[in-house]
């Protein structure tokens, strides 16, 4: 899963065509580590339909602050440069699949 930085956020997310799912997490976050393999699977399963990217809040605090990401893990769904959906906390794969299907 490709990482988003302050330098790549605008091009990769705000100017992207279609839906982008951003997994906000941190290296010190236990639940984030449990979510990582699920998001990796979804990135493969939805390749070509939804872009899946990762933001480490420690490496890109400006992005997290701008979108009021106060707790991690958190997945934000962007379309047309705007947040269209969000899920906070560690959720199971079926719940994420439901959201991915909604935004395909």
PDB file of N, CA and C in Angstrom:
ATOM      1  N   UNK A   1       0.853  -1.170   0.000  1.00  0.00           N
ATOM      2  CA  UNK A   1       0.000   0.000   0.000  1.00  0.00           C
ATOM      3  C   UNK A   1       0.900   1.236   0.000  1.00  0.00           C
ATOM      4  N   UNK A   2       0.656   2.103  -0.914  1.00  0.00           N
ATOM      5  CA  UNK A   2       1.479   3.291  -1.090  1.00  0.00           C
ATOM      6  C   UNK A   2       1.205   4.323   0.002  1.00  0.00           C
ATOM      7  N   UNK A   3       2.275   4.949   0.511  1.00  0.00           N
ATOM      8  CA  UNK A   3       2.142   5.988   1.527  1.00  0.00           C
ATOM      9  C   UNK A   3       1.925   7.347   0.879  1.00  0.00           C
ATOM     10  N   UNK A   4       1.089   8.131   1.533  1.00  0.00           N
ATOM     11  CA  UNK A   4       0.831   9.505   1.118  1.00  0.00           C
ATOM     12  C   UNK A   4       1.609  10.417   2.058  1.00  0.00           C
ATOM     13  N   UNK A   5       2.220  11.445   1.489  1.00  0.00           N
ATOM     14  CA  UNK A   5       2.940  12.442   2.277  1.00  0.00           C
ATOM     15  C   UNK A   5       2.316  13.808   2.021  1.00  0.00           C
ATOM     16  N   UNK A   6       2.774  14.794   2.764  1.00  0.00           N
ATOM     17  CA  UNK A   6       2.300  16.164   2.524  1.00  0.00           C
ATOM     18  C   UNK A   6       2.539  16.559   1.065  1.00  0.00           C
ATOM     19  N   UNK A   7       3.656  16.132   0.504  1.00  0.00           N
ATOM     20  CA  UNK A   7       4.018  16.503  -0.862  1.00  0.00           C
ATOM     21  C   UNK A   7       3.162  15.812  -1.921  1.00  0.00           C
ATOM     22  N   UNK A   8       2.646  14.624  -1.618  1.00  0.00           N
ATOM     23  CA  UNK A   8       1.896  13.871  -2.629  1.00  0.00           C
ATOM     24  C   UNK A   8       0.383  13.890  -2.420  1.00  0.00           C
ATOM     25  N   UNK A   9      -0.084  14.435  -1.294  1.00  0.00           N
ATOM     26  CA  UNK A   9      -1.500  14.362  -0.946  1.00  0.00           C
ATOM     27  C   UNK A   9      -2.410  14.992  -1.998  1.00  0.00           C
ATOM     28  N   UNK A  10      -2.083  16.186  -2.414  1.00  0.00           N
ATOM     29  CA  UNK A  10      -2.958  16.881  -3.372  1.00  0.00           C
ATOM     30  C   UNK A  10      -3.117  16.085  -4.665  1.00  0.00           C
ATOM     31  N   UNK A  11      -2.006  15.647  -5.225  1.00  0.00           N
ATOM     32  CA  UNK A  11      -2.053  14.902  -6.492  1.00  0.00           C
ATOM     33  C   UNK A  11      -2.704  13.530  -6.335  1.00  0.00           C
ATOM     34  N   UNK A  12      -2.331  12.814  -5.287  1.00  0.00           N
ATOM     35  CA  UNK A  12      -2.807  11.438  -5.084  1.00  0.00           C
ATOM     36  C   UNK A  12      -4.248  11.345  -4.598  1.00  0.00           C
ATOM     37  N   UNK A  13      -4.712  12.371  -3.895  1.00  0.00           N
ATOM     38  CA  UNK A  13      -6.031  12.290  -3.269  1.00  0.00           C
ATOM     39  C   UNK A  13      -6.982  13.357  -3.802  1.00  0.00           C
ATOM     40  N   UNK A  14      -6.617  14.618  -3.636  1.00  0.00           N
ATOM     41  CA  UNK A  14      -7.539  15.696  -3.978  1.00  0.00           C
ATOM     42  C   UNK A  14      -7.816  15.799  -5.474  1.00  0.00           C
ATOM     43  N   UNK A  15      -6.831  15.485  -6.293  1.00  0.00           N
ATOM     44  CA  UNK A  15      -7.004  15.559  -7.754  1.00  0.00           C
ATOM     45  C   UNK A  15      -7.300  14.209  -8.393  1.00  0.00           C
ATOM     46  N   UNK A  16      -7.415  13.182  -7.583  1.00  0.00           N
ATOM     47  CA  UNK A  16      -7.630  11.826  -8.099  1.00  0.00           C
ATOM     48  C   UNK A  16      -9.034  11.679  -8.685  1.00  0.00           C
ATOM     49  N   UNK A  17      -9.125  10.849  -9.698  1.00  0.00           N
ATOM     50  CA  UNK A  17     -10.426  10.497 -10.244  1.00  0.00           C
ATOM     51  C   UNK A  17     -10.931   9.285  -9.488  1.00  0.00           C
ATOM     52  N   UNK A  18     -12.200   9.292  -9.144  1.00  0.00           N
ATOM     53  CA  UNK A  18     -12.770   8.171  -8.419  1.00  0.00           C
ATOM     54  C   UNK A  18     -12.511   8.270  -6.931  1.00  0.00           C
ATOM     55  N   UNK A  19     -12.741   7.172  -6.260  1.00  0.00           N
ATOM     56  CA  UNK A  19     -12.648   7.123  -4.802  1.00  0.00           C
ATOM     57  C   UNK A  19     -11.248   6.728  -4.347  1.00  0.00           C
ATOM     58  N   UNK A  20     -10.804   7.387  -3.282  1.00  0.00           N
ATOM     59  CA  UNK A  20      -9.538   7.069  -2.639  1.00  0.00           C
ATOM     60  C   UNK A  20      -9.835   6.781  -1.172  1.00  0.00           C
ATOM     61  N   UNK A  21      -9.408   5.624  -0.691  1.00  0.00           N
ATOM     62  CA  UNK A  21      -9.545   5.268   0.720  1.00  0.00           C
ATOM     63  C   UNK A  21      -8.196   5.481   1.389  1.00  0.00           C
ATOM     64  N   UNK A  22      -8.181   6.340   2.396  1.00  0.00           N
ATOM     65  CA  UNK A  22      -6.941   6.647   3.098  1.00  0.00           C
ATOM     66  C   UNK A  22      -6.987   6.027   4.490  1.00  0.00           C
ATOM     67  N   UNK A  23      -6.015   5.183   4.767  1.00  0.00           N
ATOM     68  CA  UNK A  23      -5.865   4.544   6.070  1.00  0.00           C
ATOM     69  C   UNK A  23      -4.907   5.395   6.896  1.00  0.00           C
ATOM     70  N   UNK A  24      -5.450   6.126   7.882  1.00  0.00           N
ATOM     71  CA  UNK A  24      -4.630   6.925   8.786  1.00  0.00           C
ATOM     72  C   UNK A  24      -4.222   6.044   9.955  1.00  0.00           C
ATOM     73  N   UNK A  25      -2.917   5.973  10.200  1.00  0.00           N
ATOM     74  CA  UNK A  25      -2.419   5.132  11.274  1.00  0.00           C
ATOM     75  C   UNK A  25      -1.099   5.651  11.799  1.00  0.00           C
ATOM     76  N   UNK A  26      -0.485   4.856  12.669  1.00  0.00           N
ATOM     77  CA  UNK A  26       0.804   5.211  13.253  1.00  0.00           C
ATOM     78  C   UNK A  26       1.550   3.930  13.609  1.00  0.00           C
ATOM     79  N   UNK A  27       2.860   4.014  13.578  1.00  0.00           N
ATOM     80  CA  UNK A  27       3.680   2.835  13.861  1.00  0.00           C
ATOM     81  C   UNK A  27       3.515   2.350  15.300  1.00  0.00           C
ATOM     82  N   UNK A  28       3.177   3.247  16.216  1.00  0.00           N
ATOM     83  CA  UNK A  28       3.040   2.898  17.636  1.00  0.00           C
ATOM     84  C   UNK A  28       1.646   2.370  17.978  1.00  0.00           C
ATOM     85  N   UNK A  29       0.750   2.323  17.016  1.00  0.00           N
ATOM     86  CA  UNK A  29      -0.657   1.990  17.256  1.00  0.00           C
ATOM     87  C   UNK A  29      -0.922   0.501  16.999  1.00  0.00           C
ATOM     88  N   UNK A  30      -1.244  -0.247  18.065  1.00  0.00           N
ATOM     89  CA  UNK A  30      -1.530  -1.675  17.945  1.00  0.00           C
ATOM     90  C   UNK A  30      -2.703  -1.985  17.025  1.00  0.00           C
ATOM     91  N   UNK A  31      -3.866  -1.321  17.197  1.00  0.00           N
ATOM     92  CA  UNK A  31      -4.992  -1.583  16.306  1.00  0.00           C
ATOM     93  C   UNK A  31      -4.674  -1.259  14.838  1.00  0.00           C
ATOM     94  N   UNK A  32      -3.816  -0.264  14.625  1.00  0.00           N
ATOM     95  CA  UNK A  32      -3.422   0.082  13.249  1.00  0.00           C
ATOM     96  C   UNK A  32      -2.682  -1.085  12.595  1.00  0.00           C
ATOM     97  N   UNK A  33      -1.831  -1.738  13.376  1.00  0.00           N
ATOM     98  CA  UNK A  33      -1.073  -2.878  12.848  1.00  0.00           C
ATOM     99  C   UNK A  33      -2.003  -4.034  12.484  1.00  0.00           C
ATOM    100  N   UNK A  34      -3.112  -4.171  13.226  1.00  0.00           N
ATOM    101  CA  UNK A  34      -4.088  -5.216  12.907  1.00  0.00           C
ATOM    102  C   UNK A  34      -4.901  -4.858  11.670  1.00  0.00           C
ATOM    103  N   UNK A  35      -5.097  -3.565  11.435  1.00  0.00           N
ATOM    104  CA  UNK A  35      -5.861  -3.122  10.264  1.00  0.00           C
ATOM    105  C   UNK A  35      -5.030  -3.188   8.983  1.00  0.00           C
ATOM    106  N   UNK A  36      -3.724  -3.034   9.105  1.00  0.00           N
ATOM    107  CA  UNK A  36      -2.843  -2.987   7.926  1.00  0.00           C
ATOM    108  C   UNK A  36      -3.050  -4.156   6.952  1.00  0.00           C
ATOM    109  N   UNK A  37      -3.035  -5.424   7.406  1.00  0.00           N
ATOM    110  CA  UNK A  37      -3.196  -6.515   6.434  1.00  0.00           C
ATOM    111  C   UNK A  37      -4.580  -6.522   5.779  1.00  0.00           C
ATOM    112  N   UNK A  38      -5.591  -6.065   6.491  1.00  0.00           N
ATOM    113  CA  UNK A  38      -6.932  -5.985   5.906  1.00  0.00           C
ATOM    114  C   UNK A  38      -6.936  -4.953   4.783  1.00  0.00           C
ATOM    115  N   UNK A  39      -6.338  -3.804   5.045  1.00  0.00           N
ATOM    116  CA  UNK A  39      -6.287  -2.751   4.024  1.00  0.00           C
ATOM    117  C   UNK A  39      -5.427  -3.179   2.838  1.00  0.00           C
ATOM    118  N   UNK A  40      -4.356  -3.918   3.112  1.00  0.00           N
ATOM    119  CA  UNK A  40      -3.519  -4.441   2.021  1.00  0.00           C
ATOM    120  C   UNK A  40      -4.336  -5.377   1.130  1.00  0.00           C
ATOM    121  N   UNK A  41      -5.124  -6.263   1.741  1.00  0.00           N
ATOM    122  CA  UNK A  41      -5.992  -7.164   0.977  1.00  0.00           C
ATOM    123  C   UNK A  41      -6.987  -6.381   0.129  1.00  0.00           C
ATOM    124  N   UNK A  42      -7.606  -5.371   0.738  1.00  0.00           N
ATOM    125  CA  UNK A  42      -8.600  -4.572   0.019  1.00  0.00           C
ATOM    126  C   UNK A  42      -7.969  -3.790  -1.126  1.00  0.00           C
ATOM    127  N   UNK A  43      -6.739  -3.345  -0.942  1.00  0.00           N
ATOM    128  CA  UNK A  43      -6.033  -2.627  -2.005  1.00  0.00           C
ATOM    129  C   UNK A  43      -5.886  -3.517  -3.235  1.00  0.00           C
ATOM    130  N   UNK A  44      -5.626  -4.801  -3.014  1.00  0.00           N
ATOM    131  CA  UNK A  44      -5.499  -5.755  -4.120  1.00  0.00           C
ATOM    132  C   UNK A  44      -6.873  -6.091  -4.699  1.00  0.00           C
ATOM    133  N   UNK A  45      -7.838  -6.379  -3.825  1.00  0.00           N
ATOM    134  CA  UNK A  45      -9.173  -6.775  -4.270  1.00  0.00           C
ATOM    135  C   UNK A  45      -9.894  -5.670  -5.036  1.00  0.00           C
ATOM    136  N   UNK A  46      -9.642  -4.420  -4.683  1.00  0.00           N
ATOM    137  CA  UNK A  46     -10.351  -3.296  -5.314  1.00  0.00           C
ATOM    138  C   UNK A  46      -9.463  -2.497  -6.259  1.00  0.00           C
ATOM    139  N   UNK A  47      -8.328  -3.072  -6.626  1.00  0.00           N
ATOM    140  CA  UNK A  47      -7.416  -2.410  -7.563  1.00  0.00           C
ATOM    141  C   UNK A  47      -8.164  -2.047  -8.845  1.00  0.00           C
ATOM    142  N   UNK A  48      -8.034  -0.800  -9.250  1.00  0.00           N
ATOM    143  CA  UNK A  48      -8.721  -0.327 -10.446  1.00  0.00           C
ATOM    144  C   UNK A  48     -10.091   0.260 -10.165  1.00  0.00           C
ATOM    145  N   UNK A  49     -10.600   0.029  -8.953  1.00  0.00           N
ATOM    146  CA  UNK A  49     -11.915   0.583  -8.592  1.00  0.00           C
ATOM    147  C   UNK A  49     -11.807   1.620  -7.484  1.00  0.00           C
ATOM    148  N   UNK A  50     -10.968   1.362  -6.492  1.00  0.00           N
ATOM    149  CA  UNK A  50     -10.720   2.301  -5.406  1.00  0.00           C
ATOM    150  C   UNK A  50      -9.221   2.312  -5.129  1.00  0.00           C
ATOM    151  N   UNK A  51      -8.656   3.518  -5.073  1.00  0.00           N
ATOM    152  CA  UNK A  51      -7.247   3.648  -4.693  1.00  0.00           C
ATOM    153  C   UNK A  51      -7.167   3.562  -3.175  1.00  0.00           C
ATOM    154  N   UNK A  52      -6.272   2.728  -2.680  1.00  0.00           N
ATOM    155  CA  UNK A  52      -6.076   2.589  -1.237  1.00  0.00           C
ATOM    156  C   UNK A  52      -4.674   3.094  -0.912  1.00  0.00           C
ATOM    157  N   UNK A  53      -4.623   4.049   0.007  1.00  0.00           N
ATOM    158  CA  UNK A  53      -3.356   4.644   0.393  1.00  0.00           C
ATOM    159  C   UNK A  53      -3.262   4.709   1.913  1.00  0.00           C
ATOM    160  N   UNK A  54      -2.070   5.013   2.410  1.00  0.00           N
ATOM    161  CA  UNK A  54      -1.801   5.057   3.852  1.00  0.00           C
ATOM    162  C   UNK A  54      -1.187   6.404   4.198  1.00  0.00           C
ATOM    163  N   UNK A  55      -1.593   6.951   5.344  1.00  0.00           N
ATOM    164  CA  UNK A  55      -0.965   8.149   5.901  1.00  0.00           C
ATOM    165  C   UNK A  55      -0.519   7.811   7.311  1.00  0.00           C
ATOM    166  N   UNK A  56       0.775   7.968   7.569  1.00  0.00           N
ATOM    167  CA  UNK A  56       1.309   7.821   8.923  1.00  0.00           C
ATOM    168  C   UNK A  56       1.179   9.193   9.579  1.00  0.00           C
ATOM    169  N   UNK A  57       0.351   9.291  10.619  1.00  0.00           N
ATOM    170  CA  UNK A  57       0.086  10.587  11.239  1.00  0.00           C
ATOM    171  C   UNK A  57       1.336  11.198  11.877  1.00  0.00           C
ATOM    172  N   UNK A  58       2.314  10.374  12.198  1.00  0.00           N
ATOM    173  CA  UNK A  58       3.571  10.887  12.729  1.00  0.00           C
ATOM    174  C   UNK A  58       4.437  11.512  11.657  1.00  0.00           C
ATOM    175  N   UNK A  59       4.324  11.018  10.426  1.00  0.00           N
ATOM    176  CA  UNK A  59       5.120  11.524   9.308  1.00  0.00           C
ATOM    177  C   UNK A  59       4.414  12.640   8.554  1.00  0.00           C
ATOM    178  N   UNK A  60       3.094  12.692   8.630  1.00  0.00           N
ATOM    179  CA  UNK A  60       2.321  13.715   7.913  1.00  0.00           C
ATOM    180  C   UNK A  60       1.247  14.295   8.842  1.00  0.00           C
ATOM    181  N   UNK A  61       1.680  14.945   9.932  1.00  0.00           N
ATOM    182  CA  UNK A  61       0.698  15.452  10.897  1.00  0.00           C
ATOM    183  C   UNK A  61      -0.210  16.538  10.328  1.00  0.00           C
ATOM    184  N   UNK A  62       0.271  17.256   9.326  1.00  0.00           N
ATOM    185  CA  UNK A  62      -0.543  18.318   8.724  1.00  0.00           C
ATOM    186  C   UNK A  62      -1.800  17.773   8.075  1.00  0.00           C
ATOM    187  N   UNK A  63      -1.680  16.654   7.385  1.00  0.00           N
ATOM    188  CA  UNK A  63      -2.845  16.041   6.732  1.00  0.00           C
ATOM    189  C   UNK A  63      -3.837  15.586   7.802  1.00  0.00           C
ATOM    190  N   UNK A  64      -3.330  14.915   8.818  1.00  0.00           N
ATOM    191  CA  UNK A  64      -4.193  14.424   9.896  1.00  0.00           C
ATOM    192  C   UNK A  64      -4.904  15.584  10.585  1.00  0.00           C
ATOM    193  N   UNK A  65      -4.192  16.638  10.850  1.00  0.00           N
ATOM    194  CA  UNK A  65      -4.782  17.798  11.516  1.00  0.00           C
ATOM    195  C   UNK A  65      -5.832  18.463  10.626  1.00  0.00           C
ATOM    196  N   UNK A  66      -5.530  18.588   9.349  1.00  0.00           N
ATOM    197  CA  UNK A  66      -6.441  19.233   8.410  1.00  0.00           C
ATOM    198  C   UNK A  66      -7.780  18.503   8.326  1.00  0.00           C
ATOM    199  N   UNK A  67      -7.751  17.169   8.471  1.00  0.00           N
ATOM    200  CA  UNK A  67      -8.977  16.371   8.381  1.00  0.00           C
ATOM    201  C   UNK A  67      -9.472  15.908   9.751  1.00  0.00           C
ATOM    202  N   UNK A  68      -8.957  16.539  10.794  1.00  0.00           N
ATOM    203  CA  UNK A  68      -9.382  16.295  12.177  1.00  0.00           C
ATOM    204  C   UNK A  68      -9.315  14.808  12.570  1.00  0.00           C
ATOM    205  N   UNK A  69      -8.237  14.175  12.160  1.00  0.00           N
ATOM    206  CA  UNK A  69      -8.009  12.781  12.537  1.00  0.00           C
ATOM    207  C   UNK A  69      -7.385  12.812  13.930  1.00  0.00           C
ATOM    208  N   UNK A  70      -8.243  12.612  14.928  1.00  0.00           N
ATOM    209  CA  UNK A  70      -7.801  12.704  16.319  1.00  0.00           C
ATOM    210  C   UNK A  70      -7.500  11.350  16.928  1.00  0.00           C
ATOM    211  N   UNK A  71      -7.995  10.284  16.308  1.00  0.00           N
ATOM    212  CA  UNK A  71      -7.687   8.935  16.789  1.00  0.00           C
ATOM    213  C   UNK A  71      -7.434   8.034  15.592  1.00  0.00           C
ATOM    214  N   UNK A  72      -6.572   7.071  15.813  1.00  0.00           N
ATOM    215  CA  UNK A  72      -6.225   6.117  14.766  1.00  0.00           C
ATOM    216  C   UNK A  72      -6.451   4.715  15.287  1.00  0.00           C
ATOM    217  N   UNK A  73      -6.728   3.762  14.424  1.00  0.00           N
ATOM    218  CA  UNK A  73      -6.851   3.910  12.980  1.00  0.00           C
ATOM    219  C   UNK A  73      -8.151   4.609  12.588  1.00  0.00           C
ATOM    220  N   UNK A  74      -8.087   5.212  11.421  1.00  0.00           N
ATOM    221  CA  UNK A  74      -9.242   5.873  10.842  1.00  0.00           C
ATOM    222  C   UNK A  74      -9.111   5.785   9.327  1.00  0.00           C
ATOM    223  N   UNK A  75     -10.184   5.427   8.673  1.00  0.00           N
ATOM    224  CA  UNK A  75     -10.184   5.348   7.216  1.00  0.00           C
ATOM    225  C   UNK A  75     -11.143   6.405   6.697  1.00  0.00           C
ATOM    226  N   UNK A  76     -10.618   7.289   5.853  1.00  0.00           N
ATOM    227  CA  UNK A  76     -11.440   8.309   5.210  1.00  0.00           C
ATOM    228  C   UNK A  76     -11.565   7.974   3.733  1.00  0.00           C
ATOM    229  N   UNK A  77     -12.762   8.116   3.210  1.00  0.00           N
ATOM    230  CA  UNK A  77     -13.027   7.900   1.793  1.00  0.00           C
ATOM    231  C   UNK A  77     -13.194   9.264   1.133  1.00  0.00           C
ATOM    232  N   UNK A  78     -12.380   9.513   0.107  1.00  0.00           N
ATOM    233  CA  UNK A  78     -12.422  10.774  -0.634  1.00  0.00           C
ATOM    234  C   UNK A  78     -12.974  10.520  -2.032  1.00  0.00           C
ATOM    235  N   UNK A  79     -13.739  11.473  -2.518  1.00  0.00           N
ATOM    236  CA  UNK A  79     -14.181  11.454  -3.909  1.00  0.00           C
ATOM    237  C   UNK A  79     -14.354  12.913  -4.326  1.00  0.00           C
ATOM    238  N   UNK A  80     -13.782  13.260  -5.458  1.00  0.00           N
ATOM    239  CA  UNK A  80     -13.853  14.648  -5.905  1.00  0.00           C
ATOM    240  C   UNK A  80     -13.156  15.605  -4.966  1.00  0.00           C
ATOM    241  N   UNK A  81     -12.149  15.114  -4.251  1.00  0.00           N
ATOM    242  CA  UNK A  81     -11.384  15.962  -3.349  1.00  0.00           C
ATOM    243  C   UNK A  81     -12.040  16.207  -2.005  1.00  0.00           C
ATOM    244  N   UNK A  82     -13.162  15.567  -1.749  1.00  0.00           N
ATOM    245  CA  UNK A  82     -13.887  15.766  -0.488  1.00  0.00           C
ATOM    246  C   UNK A  82     -14.076  14.440   0.247  1.00  0.00           C
ATOM    247  N   UNK A  83     -14.139  14.518   1.575  1.00  0.00           N
ATOM    248  CA  UNK A  83     -14.413  13.340   2.387  1.00  0.00           C
ATOM    249  C   UNK A  83     -15.884  12.984   2.222  1.00  0.00           C
ATOM    250  N   UNK A  84     -16.138  11.741   1.806  1.00  0.00           N
ATOM    251  CA  UNK A  84     -17.520  11.290   1.591  1.00  0.00           C
ATOM    252  C   UNK A  84     -17.946  10.226   2.595  1.00  0.00           C
ATOM    253  N   UNK A  85     -17.004   9.682   3.351  1.00  0.00           N
ATOM    254  CA  UNK A  85     -17.334   8.673   4.351  1.00  0.00           C
ATOM    255  C   UNK A  85     -16.121   8.476   5.248  1.00  0.00           C
ATOM    256  N   UNK A  86     -16.366   7.904   6.428  1.00  0.00           N
ATOM    257  CA  UNK A  86     -15.275   7.663   7.371  1.00  0.00           C
ATOM    258  C   UNK A  86     -15.638   6.529   8.304  1.00  0.00           C
ATOM    259  N   UNK A  87     -14.627   5.853   8.786  1.00  0.00           N
ATOM    260  CA  UNK A  87     -14.798   4.843   9.828  1.00  0.00           C
ATOM    261  C   UNK A  87     -13.625   4.993  10.795  1.00  0.00           C
ATOM    262  N   UNK A  88     -13.963   5.043  12.080  1.00  0.00           N
ATOM    263  CA  UNK A  88     -12.947   5.256  13.111  1.00  0.00           C
ATOM    264  C   UNK A  88     -12.789   3.985  13.926  1.00  0.00           C
ATOM    265  N   UNK A  89     -11.538   3.631  14.179  1.00  0.00           N
ATOM    266  CA  UNK A  89     -11.241   2.466  15.004  1.00  0.00           C
ATOM    267  C   UNK A  89     -11.010   1.225  14.167  1.00  0.00           C
ATOM    268  N   UNK A  90     -10.663   0.174  14.852  1.00  0.00           N
ATOM    269  CA  UNK A  90     -10.414  -1.108  14.195  1.00  0.00           C
ATOM    270  C   UNK A  90     -11.759  -1.755  13.867  1.00  0.00           C
ATOM    271  N   UNK A  91     -12.016  -1.925  12.593  1.00  0.00           N
ATOM    272  CA  UNK A  91     -13.255  -2.576  12.157  1.00  0.00           C
ATOM    273  C   UNK A  91     -12.892  -3.825  11.373  1.00  0.00           C
ATOM    274  N   UNK A  92     -13.828  -4.748  11.299  1.00  0.00           N
ATOM    275  CA  UNK A  92     -13.546  -6.006  10.616  1.00  0.00           C
ATOM    276  C   UNK A  92     -13.650  -5.840   9.093  1.00  0.00           C
ATOM    277  N   UNK A  93     -13.128  -6.823   8.397  1.00  0.00           N
ATOM    278  CA  UNK A  93     -13.097  -6.762   6.941  1.00  0.00           C
ATOM    279  C   UNK A  93     -14.496  -6.678   6.331  1.00  0.00           C
ATOM    280  N   UNK A  94     -15.482  -7.450   6.810  1.00  0.00           N
ATOM    281  CA  UNK A  94     -16.819  -7.328   6.207  1.00  0.00           C
ATOM    282  C   UNK A  94     -17.385  -5.898   6.262  1.00  0.00           C
ATOM    283  N   UNK A  95     -17.141  -5.180   7.346  1.00  0.00           N
ATOM    284  CA  UNK A  95     -17.613  -3.794   7.451  1.00  0.00           C
ATOM    285  C   UNK A  95     -16.905  -2.918   6.433  1.00  0.00           C
ATOM    286  N   UNK A  96     -15.596  -3.116   6.270  1.00  0.00           N
ATOM    287  CA  UNK A  96     -14.849  -2.336   5.293  1.00  0.00           C
ATOM    288  C   UNK A  96     -15.279  -2.687   3.865  1.00  0.00           C
ATOM    289  N   UNK A  97     -15.523  -3.969   3.604  1.00  0.00           N
ATOM    290  CA  UNK A  97     -16.003  -4.382   2.276  1.00  0.00           C
ATOM    291  C   UNK A  97     -17.325  -3.689   1.974  1.00  0.00           C
ATOM    292  N   UNK A  98     -18.184  -3.603   2.962  1.00  0.00           N
ATOM    293  CA  UNK A  98     -19.471  -2.917   2.787  1.00  0.00           C
ATOM    294  C   UNK A  98     -19.249  -1.462   2.358  1.00  0.00           C
ATOM    295  N   UNK A  99     -18.305  -0.776   3.000  1.00  0.00           N
ATOM    296  CA  UNK A  99     -18.005   0.600   2.642  1.00  0.00           C
ATOM    297  C   UNK A  99     -17.343   0.700   1.268  1.00  0.00           C
ATOM    298  N   UNK A 100     -16.433  -0.212   0.984  1.00  0.00           N
ATOM    299  CA  UNK A 100     -15.782  -0.202  -0.328  1.00  0.00           C
ATOM    300  C   UNK A 100     -16.819  -0.413  -1.434  1.00  0.00           C
ATOM    301  N   UNK A 101     -17.731  -1.352  -1.228  1.00  0.00           N
ATOM    302  CA  UNK A 101     -18.778  -1.604  -2.229  1.00  0.00           C
ATOM    303  C   UNK A 101     -19.658  -0.380  -2.422  1.00  0.00           C
ATOM    304  N   UNK A 102     -19.943   0.307  -1.344  1.00  0.00           N
ATOM    305  CA  UNK A 102     -20.769   1.513  -1.398  1.00  0.00           C
ATOM    306  C   UNK A 102     -20.118   2.590  -2.261  1.00  0.00           C
ATOM    307  N   UNK A 103     -18.783   2.633  -2.257  1.00  0.00           N
ATOM    308  CA  UNK A 103     -18.073   3.705  -2.952  1.00  0.00           C
ATOM    309  C   UNK A 103     -17.427   3.284  -4.267  1.00  0.00           C
ATOM    310  N   UNK A 104     -17.711   2.081  -4.735  1.00  0.00           N
ATOM    311  CA  UNK A 104     -17.176   1.640  -6.032  1.00  0.00           C
ATOM    312  C   UNK A 104     -17.859   2.365  -7.177  1.00  0.00           C
TER     313      UNK A 104
END
